[in-house]
C-alpha atoms as a PDB file:
ATOM      1  CA  MET A   1      57.801  77.421 -39.011  1.00  0.00           C
ATOM      2  CA  ASP A   2      58.111  79.059 -42.029  1.00  0.00           C
ATOM      3  CA  GLY A   3      56.740  78.514 -45.963  1.00  0.00           C
ATOM      4  CA  SER A   4      59.559  76.713 -47.130  1.00  0.00           C
ATOM      5  CA  SER A   5      59.515  73.982 -44.534  1.00  0.00           C
ATOM      6  CA  LEU A   6      56.289  72.504 -45.907  1.00  0.00           C
ATOM      7  CA  ASP A   7      56.311  70.211 -48.787  1.00  0.00           C
ATOM      8  CA  PHE A   8      53.304  70.129 -49.676  1.00  0.00           C
ATOM      9  CA  ASN A   9      50.284  72.492 -50.907  1.00  0.00           C
ATOM     10  CA  LEU A  10      47.555  72.837 -48.616  1.00  0.00           C
ATOM     11  CA  LEU A  11      45.285  74.058 -51.162  1.00  0.00           C
ATOM     12  CA  GLU A  12      45.261  71.647 -53.374  1.00  0.00           C
ATOM     13  CA  MET A  13      42.813  68.899 -52.201  1.00  0.00           C
ATOM     14  CA  GLN A  14      43.707  64.861 -53.275  1.00  0.00           C
ATOM     15  CA  PRO A  15      41.048  62.334 -54.131  1.00  0.00           C
ATOM     16  CA  LEU A  16      39.550  60.501 -51.885  1.00  0.00           C
ATOM     17  CA  SER A  17      40.504  57.266 -53.384  1.00  0.00           C
ATOM     18  CA  ASN A  18      44.372  58.527 -52.401  1.00  0.00           C
ATOM     19  CA  LEU A  19      43.912  59.229 -49.399  1.00  0.00           C
ATOM     20  CA  LYS A  20      43.810  56.992 -46.141  1.00  0.00           C
ATOM     21  CA  TRP A  21      41.007  56.233 -44.202  1.00  0.00           C
ATOM     22  CA  PHE A  22      40.570  55.115 -40.585  1.00  0.00           C
ATOM     23  CA  ASP A  23      37.740  54.398 -38.456  1.00  0.00           C
ATOM     24  CA  TYR A  24      36.374  55.856 -35.030  1.00  0.00           C
ATOM     25  CA  CYS A  25      39.112  54.093 -33.200  1.00  0.00           C
ATOM     26  CA  LEU A  26      41.692  55.475 -35.606  1.00  0.00           C
ATOM     27  CA  ARG A  27      42.590  52.333 -37.134  1.00  0.00           C
ATOM     28  CA  GLU A  28      43.205  52.221 -41.084  1.00  0.00           C
ATOM     29  CA  VAL A  29      40.408  50.343 -42.629  1.00  0.00           C
ATOM     30  CA  LEU A  30      40.832  49.834 -46.143  1.00  0.00           C
ATOM     31  CA  PRO A  31      37.466  50.370 -48.116  1.00  0.00           C
ATOM     32  CA  GLY A  32      35.869  48.926 -51.343  1.00  0.00           C
ATOM     33  CA  ARG A  33      37.192  45.509 -51.073  1.00  0.00           C
ATOM     34  CA  VAL A  34      34.817  43.426 -52.772  1.00  0.00           C
ATOM     35  CA  GLY A  35      35.373  39.771 -53.883  1.00  0.00           C
ATOM     36  CA  ARG A  36      33.340  39.107 -57.315  1.00  0.00           C
ATOM     37  CA  THR A  37      36.282  36.777 -58.758  1.00  0.00           C
ATOM     38  CA  LEU A  38      38.849  34.229 -57.553  1.00  0.00           C
ATOM     39  CA  ASP A  39      41.226  36.756 -58.022  1.00  0.00           C
ATOM     40  CA  GLU A  40      39.820  39.485 -55.907  1.00  0.00           C
ATOM     41  CA  VAL A  41      39.272  36.725 -53.507  1.00  0.00           C
ATOM     42  CA  GLY A  42      42.801  36.305 -53.331  1.00  0.00           C
ATOM     43  CA  SER A  43      43.835  39.896 -53.224  1.00  0.00           C
ATOM     44  CA  ILE A  44      41.477  40.787 -50.159  1.00  0.00           C
ATOM     45  CA  LEU A  45      43.114  37.076 -48.521  1.00  0.00           C
ATOM     46  CA  ARG A  46      46.344  38.774 -48.489  1.00  0.00           C
ATOM     47  CA  THR A  47      44.836  42.042 -47.063  1.00  0.00           C
ATOM     48  CA  VAL A  48      43.248  39.924 -44.159  1.00  0.00           C
ATOM     49  CA  GLN A  49      45.041  37.548 -42.712  1.00  0.00           C
ATOM     50  CA  GLU A  50      46.909  37.269 -39.374  1.00  0.00           C
ATOM     51  CA  ASP A  51      49.122  34.433 -38.245  1.00  0.00           C
ATOM     52  CA  GLN A  52      47.570  32.811 -42.046  1.00  0.00           C
ATOM     53  CA  SER A  53      44.335  32.422 -40.774  1.00  0.00           C
ATOM     54  CA  VAL A  54      40.966  33.930 -42.214  1.00  0.00           C
ATOM     55  CA  LEU A  55      37.630  33.432 -40.240  1.00  0.00           C
ATOM     56  CA  LEU A  56      34.848  33.164 -43.082  1.00  0.00           C
ATOM     57  CA  VAL A  57      31.616  34.804 -42.047  1.00  0.00           C
ATOM     58  CA  ASN A  58      28.428  33.645 -44.018  1.00  0.00           C
ATOM     59  CA  ILE A  59      25.709  35.893 -43.954  1.00  0.00           C
ATOM     60  CA  LEU A  60      23.413  34.677 -46.809  1.00  0.00           C
ATOM     61  CA  GLY A  61      19.906  34.613 -45.351  1.00  0.00           C
ATOM     62  CA  ALA A  62      21.142  36.674 -42.604  1.00  0.00           C
ATOM     63  CA  SER A  63      19.230  40.162 -41.678  1.00  0.00           C
ATOM     64  CA  ASP A  64      21.287  43.378 -41.332  1.00  0.00           C
ATOM     65  CA  THR A  65      21.085  43.462 -37.315  1.00  0.00           C
ATOM     66  CA  ILE A  66      22.438  39.601 -36.770  1.00  0.00           C
ATOM     67  CA  THR A  67      25.480  40.819 -39.143  1.00  0.00           C
ATOM     68  CA  ARG A  68      25.878  44.110 -37.061  1.00  0.00           C
ATOM     69  CA  ASN A  69      25.960  42.504 -33.901  1.00  0.00           C
ATOM     70  CA  ILE A  70      28.233  40.211 -35.079  1.00  0.00           C
ATOM     71  CA  LEU A  71      30.842  43.123 -36.429  1.00  0.00           C
ATOM     72  CA  CYS A  72      30.049  44.506 -32.906  1.00  0.00           C
ATOM     73  CA  HIS A  73      31.718  41.347 -31.204  1.00  0.00           C
ATOM     74  CA  PHE A  74      34.428  41.127 -33.741  1.00  0.00           C
ATOM     75  CA  GLU A  75      35.592  45.132 -32.465  1.00  0.00           C
ATOM     76  CA  ARG A  76      35.088  44.484 -29.034  1.00  0.00           C
ATOM     77  CA  LEU A  77      37.347  41.219 -29.450  1.00  0.00           C
ATOM     78  CA  ASN A  78      39.732  43.378 -31.711  1.00  0.00           C
ATOM     79  CA  ILE A  79      39.442  39.971 -34.511  1.00  0.00           C
ATOM     80  CA  ARG A  80      40.030  41.441 -38.098  1.00  0.00           C
ATOM     81  CA  ASN A  81      40.825  39.108 -39.843  1.00  0.00           C
ATOM     82  CA  TYR A  82      37.492  38.067 -41.266  1.00  0.00           C
ATOM     83  CA  ILE A  83      35.470  38.055 -44.851  1.00  0.00           C
ATOM     84  CA  LEU A  84      32.107  38.699 -44.951  1.00  0.00           C
ATOM     85  CA  ILE A  85      30.023  36.381 -47.951  1.00  0.00           C
ATOM     86  CA  GLY A  86      27.033  37.683 -48.610  1.00  0.00           C
ATOM     87  CA  PRO A  87      24.282  38.756 -51.214  1.00  0.00           C
ATOM     88  CA  GLY A  88      24.787  41.374 -53.603  1.00  0.00           C
ATOM     89  CA  SER A  89      22.529  44.037 -51.717  1.00  0.00           C
ATOM     90  CA  ASP A  90      23.319  47.822 -51.029  1.00  0.00           C
ATOM     91  CA  PHE A  91      23.854  46.466 -46.922  1.00  0.00           C
ATOM     92  CA  LEU A  92      26.868  44.705 -48.415  1.00  0.00           C
ATOM     93  CA  PHE A  93      28.414  47.495 -50.282  1.00  0.00           C
ATOM     94  CA  ASP A  94      28.245  49.708 -47.620  1.00  0.00           C
ATOM     95  CA  LEU A  95      29.840  47.438 -45.176  1.00  0.00           C
ATOM     96  CA  ALA A  96      32.617  47.203 -48.138  1.00  0.00           C
ATOM     97  CA  ARG A  97      32.584  51.029 -48.381  1.00  0.00           C
ATOM     98  CA  ARG A  98      33.300  50.817 -44.118  1.00  0.00           C
ATOM     99  CA  GLY A  99      36.156  49.091 -44.744  1.00  0.00           C
ATOM    100  CA  HIS A 100      34.626  45.512 -44.278  1.00  0.00           C
ATOM    101  CA  PRO A 101      36.521  43.021 -46.924  1.00  0.00           C
ATOM    102  CA  VAL A 102      33.248  41.518 -49.049  1.00  0.00           C
ATOM    103  CA  ILE A 103      32.060  38.453 -51.245  1.00  0.00           C
ATOM    104  CA  ASP A 104      29.400  39.462 -53.394  1.00  0.00           C
ATOM    105  CA  ALA A 105      28.376  35.917 -53.309  1.00  0.00           C
ATOM    106  CA  ASP A 106      25.568  36.831 -56.142  1.00  0.00           C
ATOM    107  CA  GLN A 107      28.065  38.160 -58.856  1.00  0.00           C
ATOM    108  CA  PHE A 108      30.857  35.535 -57.504  1.00  0.00           C
ATOM    109  CA  PHE A 109      28.537  32.433 -58.226  1.00  0.00           C
ATOM    110  CA  ASN A 110      27.052  33.783 -61.538  1.00  0.00           C
ATOM    111  CA  TYR A 111      31.220  34.144 -62.806  1.00  0.00           C
ATOM    112  CA  HIS A 112      31.814  31.100 -61.825  1.00  0.00           C
ATOM    113  CA  ARG A 113      29.168  29.753 -63.247  1.00  0.00           C
ATOM    114  CA  ALA A 114      29.547  31.255 -66.602  1.00  0.00           C
ATOM    115  CA  GLN A 115      32.877  29.246 -66.695  1.00  0.00           C
ATOM    116  CA  LYS A 116      31.514  25.635 -65.507  1.00  0.00           C
ATOM    117  CA  VAL A 117      28.455  25.362 -67.003  1.00  0.00           C
ATOM    118  CA  MET A 118      26.055  23.584 -64.385  1.00  0.00           C
ATOM    119  CA  GLY A 119      22.353  22.464 -63.916  1.00  0.00           C
ATOM    120  CA  PHE A 120      20.505  22.004 -61.028  1.00  0.00           C
ATOM    121  CA  GLN A 121      17.055  22.906 -59.924  1.00  0.00           C
ATOM    122  CA  HIS A 122      15.685  25.863 -58.930  1.00  0.00           C
ATOM    123  CA  SER A 123      14.556  24.901 -55.417  1.00  0.00           C
ATOM    124  CA  SER A 124      18.241  24.051 -54.687  1.00  0.00           C
ATOM    125  CA  ALA A 125      19.464  26.834 -56.258  1.00  0.00           C
ATOM    126  CA  GLU A 126      20.285  29.267 -53.008  1.00  0.00           C
ATOM    127  CA  LEU A 127      21.687  25.774 -51.473  1.00  0.00           C
ATOM    128  CA  MET A 128      24.096  24.957 -53.769  1.00  0.00           C
ATOM    129  CA  LYS A 129      24.990  29.111 -54.394  1.00  0.00           C
ATOM    130  CA  ASN A 130      25.715  29.129 -50.539  1.00  0.00           C
ATOM    131  CA  ILE A 131      27.958  25.391 -51.059  1.00  0.00           C
ATOM    132  CA  LEU A 132      29.937  26.557 -54.041  1.00  0.00           C
ATOM    133  CA  VAL A 133      30.853  29.904 -52.713  1.00  0.00           C
ATOM    134  CA  ASN A 134      31.962  28.470 -49.679  1.00  0.00           C
ATOM    135  CA  ALA A 135      33.732  25.505 -51.204  1.00  0.00           C
ATOM    136  CA  TYR A 136      35.940  27.928 -53.629  1.00  0.00           C
ATOM    137  CA  VAL A 137      36.831  30.593 -51.408  1.00  0.00           C
ATOM    138  CA  ILE A 138      38.141  27.690 -49.153  1.00  0.00           C
ATOM    139  CA  LYS A 139      40.509  26.383 -51.743  1.00  0.00           C
ATOM    140  CA  LYS A 140      41.366  29.836 -52.411  1.00  0.00           C
ATOM    141  CA  CYS A 141      42.456  30.253 -48.748  1.00  0.00           C
ATOM    142  CA  LEU A 142      43.967  26.362 -48.948  1.00  0.00           C
ATOM    143  CA  GLU A 143      46.168  27.501 -52.375  1.00  0.00           C
ATOM    144  CA  ASN A 144      47.394  30.736 -50.700  1.00  0.00           C
ATOM    145  CA  GLY A 145      48.498  28.567 -47.547  1.00  0.00           C
ATOM    146  CA  TYR A 146      46.125  30.177 -45.222  1.00  0.00           C
ATOM    147  CA  ASP A 147      43.677  28.479 -42.305  1.00  0.00           C
ATOM    148  CA  SER A 148      40.103  29.059 -42.589  1.00  0.00           C
ATOM    149  CA  LEU A 149      36.908  28.875 -40.669  1.00  0.00           C
ATOM    150  CA  ILE A 150      33.230  29.080 -41.986  1.00  0.00           C
ATOM    151  CA  VAL A 151      31.178  30.870 -39.506  1.00  0.00           C
ATOM    152  CA  ASN A 152      27.314  30.756 -41.019  1.00  0.00           C
ATOM    153  CA  HIS A 153      24.710  33.109 -39.776  1.00  0.00           C
ATOM    154  CA  GLY A 154      22.257  30.009 -38.621  1.00  0.00           C
ATOM    155  CA  LEU A 155      25.089  29.374 -35.794  1.00  0.00           C
ATOM    156  CA  CYS A 156      25.454  32.787 -34.429  1.00  0.00           C
END
């Protein structure tokens, strides 16, 4: 091998955003997939769908341990066509940084509430947020022709 056969400079460092990311099983991961609007959810759906199906995992109110357990089972079963729906938190954004597709339910809900003024009692705010975020995401799945299934953390 001579110096002219190398078509790149080894000393030139590329920014991390330009590099491909891989997990410990050497599968490519796409970090930073966070959905806050319907358009962002649409782009996430195109990256996760396999065989026109998507598994939506609602982790609103779930502990970090339960969520990690679900992800462990997905990894073992080679399930990669899922999206996690959860509250905006450091844990959720850490999952996105590690390559898991997530929807920030708080920002998603606030964005759509600002679009359509909705009034409801504070006591049912979390329930309404949960229902509306799930409904909007399912609607987006149907618009794109994907089958979807919702898994709620309380059922796991």
